[in-house]
Amino acid sequence: MKTTSTFSILFWLNSARMKNEKGLIYARITVNGVRAVISLKRKIVISDWDPIKNRERGTKQEARLLNRYLDQVYSCLFESYQQLRVENKLITAQAVKSRYLGEDQ
């Protein structure tokens, strides 16, 4: 019997820990309603963050580089999830996070 699970990745800006009008960007992995958070160690001016698209606003080089980095992180997190599925391992948010960070091997 095959069971289904929910999986999502969300980028968000933690404005509670802001310094000099800049906030830290985090990735939140959710599997079946259970979350795991990864700090991406990137800062952005809060007014430049688009909370709807979860990306930096604008077309400047800096914005394009950050958005490309976020796309790469998304792809790597999704690939980590897919690897766990192929290996028939228990899929949890923490397992995806550990696989992404290289801590599970």
Protein backbone atom coordinates (compact mmCIF):
# COMPACT_ATOMS: atom_id res chain seq x y z
CA MET A 1 0.00 0.00 0.00
CA LYS A 2 1.40 3.34 -1.03
CA THR A 3 0.77 6.36 1.15
CA THR A 4 0.80 9.93 -0.04
CA SER A 5 2.45 12.81 1.72
CA THR A 6 2.33 16.55 1.35
CA PHE A 7 5.54 18.43 0.64
CA SER A 8 6.21 22.14 0.25
CA ILE A 9 9.09 24.60 0.26
CA LEU A 10 8.62 28.22 1.26
CA PHE A 11 11.12 31.07 1.41
CA TRP A 12 10.39 33.73 3.99
CA LEU A 13 11.99 36.80 5.48
CA ASN A 14 12.41 36.95 9.23
CA SER A 15 11.88 40.62 9.96
CA ALA A 16 11.82 39.97 13.72
CA ARG A 17 15.59 39.53 13.65
CA MET A 18 16.32 42.53 11.46
CA LYS A 19 19.39 44.71 11.70
CA ASN A 20 19.84 47.94 9.75
CA GLU A 21 16.51 47.40 7.93
CA LYS A 22 17.71 44.00 6.68
CA GLY A 23 16.16 40.65 7.46
CA LEU A 24 17.45 37.09 7.13
CA ILE A 25 16.03 34.75 4.48
CA TYR A 26 14.95 31.28 5.59
CA ALA A 27 13.70 28.19 3.76
CA ARG A 28 10.85 26.29 5.38
CA ILE A 29 10.33 22.65 4.43
CA THR A 30 6.95 21.17 5.31
CA VAL A 31 6.14 17.46 5.10
CA ASN A 32 2.70 16.35 6.30
CA GLY A 33 2.31 19.55 8.31
CA VAL A 34 5.63 19.21 10.16
CA ARG A 35 8.16 21.97 9.52
CA ALA A 36 11.93 22.27 9.40
CA VAL A 37 13.68 25.59 8.89
CA ILE A 38 17.03 26.34 7.25
CA SER A 39 18.76 29.70 7.44
CA LEU A 40 20.09 30.62 4.01
CA LYS A 41 22.47 33.13 5.61
CA ARG A 42 21.43 35.83 3.15
CA LYS A 43 20.18 39.27 4.13
CA ILE A 44 17.92 41.57 2.19
CA VAL A 45 16.40 45.01 2.73
CA ILE A 46 12.87 44.34 3.94
CA SER A 47 11.25 46.72 1.45
CA ASP A 48 12.88 44.79 -1.45
CA TRP A 49 11.22 41.47 -0.45
CA ASP A 50 8.01 40.40 -2.20
CA PRO A 51 6.05 38.28 0.32
CA ILE A 52 3.64 37.04 -2.36
CA LYS A 53 6.31 35.70 -4.73
CA ASN A 54 8.81 34.95 -1.94
CA ARG A 55 11.52 36.59 -4.04
CA GLU A 56 13.42 39.85 -4.17
CA ARG A 57 11.72 42.61 -6.14
CA GLY A 58 13.44 44.25 -9.06
CA THR A 59 15.58 43.43 -12.05
CA LYS A 60 18.96 44.65 -10.86
CA GLN A 61 21.90 42.27 -10.96
CA GLU A 62 21.77 41.80 -7.18
CA ALA A 63 18.08 40.82 -7.27
CA ARG A 64 18.61 38.41 -10.17
CA LEU A 65 21.53 36.73 -8.38
CA LEU A 66 19.55 36.27 -5.16
CA ASN A 67 16.49 34.96 -7.00
CA ARG A 68 18.67 32.55 -8.97
CA TYR A 69 20.20 31.35 -5.69
CA LEU A 70 16.71 30.79 -4.25
CA ASP A 71 15.80 28.77 -7.35
CA GLN A 72 18.92 26.62 -6.86
CA VAL A 73 18.09 26.02 -3.20
CA TYR A 74 14.54 25.07 -4.17
CA SER A 75 15.83 22.61 -6.76
CA CYS A 76 18.30 21.03 -4.33
CA LEU A 77 15.66 20.67 -1.62
CA PHE A 78 13.23 19.08 -4.07
CA GLU A 79 15.97 16.76 -5.33
CA SER A 80 16.70 15.72 -1.73
CA TYR A 81 13.01 14.90 -1.30
CA GLN A 82 12.98 12.88 -4.53
CA GLN A 83 16.09 10.92 -3.49
CA LEU A 84 14.43 9.93 -0.23
CA ARG A 85 11.35 8.76 -2.16
CA VAL A 86 13.43 6.68 -4.58
CA GLU A 87 15.30 5.08 -1.67
CA ASN A 88 11.97 4.27 0.06
CA LYS A 89 13.13 6.01 3.22
CA LEU A 90 10.86 7.66 5.74
CA ILE A 91 10.23 11.17 4.47
CA THR A 92 10.14 13.87 7.12
CA ALA A 93 10.95 17.56 6.99
CA GLN A 94 14.03 16.89 9.12
CA ALA A 95 15.15 14.08 6.78
CA VAL A 96 14.92 16.39 3.75
CA LYS A 97 16.82 19.09 5.64
CA SER A 98 19.52 16.62 6.70
CA ARG A 99 19.88 15.29 3.15
CA TYR A 100 20.16 18.85 1.78
CA LEU A 101 22.81 19.77 4.35
CA GLY A 102 24.68 16.49 3.78
CA GLU A 103 24.23 15.32 7.37
CA ASP A 104 22.38 12.05 6.73
CA GLN A 105 25.09 9.94 5.15
